[in-house]
Protein backbone atom coordinates (compact mmCIF):
# COMPACT_ATOMS: atom_id res chain seq x y z
CA MET A 1 -8.86 -23.09 14.43
CA ALA A 2 -7.72 -21.82 17.76
CA SER A 3 -5.54 -18.74 17.77
CA GLY A 4 -1.98 -19.22 18.98
CA GLY A 5 -1.29 -22.70 17.60
CA LYS A 6 0.15 -23.97 14.36
CA VAL A 7 -1.56 -25.26 11.24
CA LYS A 8 -0.20 -27.43 8.45
CA VAL A 9 -1.16 -26.08 5.03
CA THR A 10 -0.77 -28.11 1.84
CA LEU A 11 -1.21 -26.76 -1.70
CA MET A 12 -3.43 -29.25 -3.54
CA LYS A 13 -4.01 -27.48 -6.87
CA SER A 14 -1.85 -25.50 -9.26
CA LEU A 15 -1.68 -21.70 -9.08
CA TYR A 16 -1.96 -21.52 -12.87
CA GLY A 17 -4.94 -19.40 -13.94
CA GLN A 18 -5.74 -18.10 -10.45
CA LEU A 19 -6.41 -14.45 -9.68
CA LYS A 20 -3.40 -12.45 -8.58
CA HIS A 21 -4.59 -11.93 -4.99
CA ILE A 22 -5.11 -15.68 -4.56
CA SER A 23 -1.66 -16.51 -5.92
CA SER A 24 -0.13 -13.83 -3.70
CA SER A 25 -1.85 -15.27 -0.63
CA VAL A 26 -0.54 -18.77 -1.37
CA ARG A 27 2.97 -17.44 -1.95
CA GLY A 28 2.71 -15.44 1.26
CA LEU A 29 2.06 -18.65 3.15
CA GLY A 30 5.35 -20.00 1.77
CA LEU A 31 3.89 -22.47 -0.72
CA ARG A 32 5.53 -22.79 -4.13
CA ARG A 33 4.67 -26.23 -5.57
CA ARG A 34 1.71 -28.59 -5.58
CA HIS A 35 1.65 -31.02 -2.65
CA GLN A 36 4.15 -28.89 -0.73
CA SER A 37 3.31 -28.50 2.96
CA VAL A 38 4.31 -25.80 5.42
CA GLN A 39 3.51 -25.12 9.06
CA VAL A 40 2.39 -21.59 9.80
CA ALA A 41 1.27 -19.84 12.96
CA ASP A 42 -2.49 -19.70 13.45
CA THR A 43 -2.85 -15.91 13.33
CA ALA A 44 -5.58 -13.71 11.91
CA GLU A 45 -3.31 -12.69 9.02
CA ASN A 46 -2.54 -16.27 8.04
CA ARG A 47 -6.18 -17.30 8.42
CA GLY A 48 -7.13 -14.53 5.98
CA MET A 49 -4.63 -15.83 3.41
CA ILE A 50 -5.88 -19.40 3.95
CA ASN A 51 -9.50 -18.28 3.47
CA ALA A 52 -8.62 -16.49 0.22
CA ALA A 53 -7.30 -19.72 -1.29
CA SER A 54 -9.34 -22.27 0.66
CA HIS A 55 -10.47 -24.03 -2.53
CA MET A 56 -6.84 -24.94 -3.28
CA LEU A 57 -5.54 -25.81 0.18
CA LYS A 58 -5.77 -28.63 2.68
CA VAL A 59 -5.51 -27.36 6.26
CA GLU A 60 -4.76 -29.52 9.30
CA ARG A 61 -4.18 -28.62 12.93
CA SER A 62 -0.68 -29.30 14.22
């Protein structure tokens, strides 16, 4: 992922049963429901949140 662009992030799995820091990272990205997609800036902060929950997310370049 190149810094400065946008990425489309989709929540593929439920937050139920996840650790608190993983749930917080997903919520911080603006995702609330399964199969919801948001576009976020490709920054170091957002990449860190995406990496924390990478097993639950689908990430695409925009």
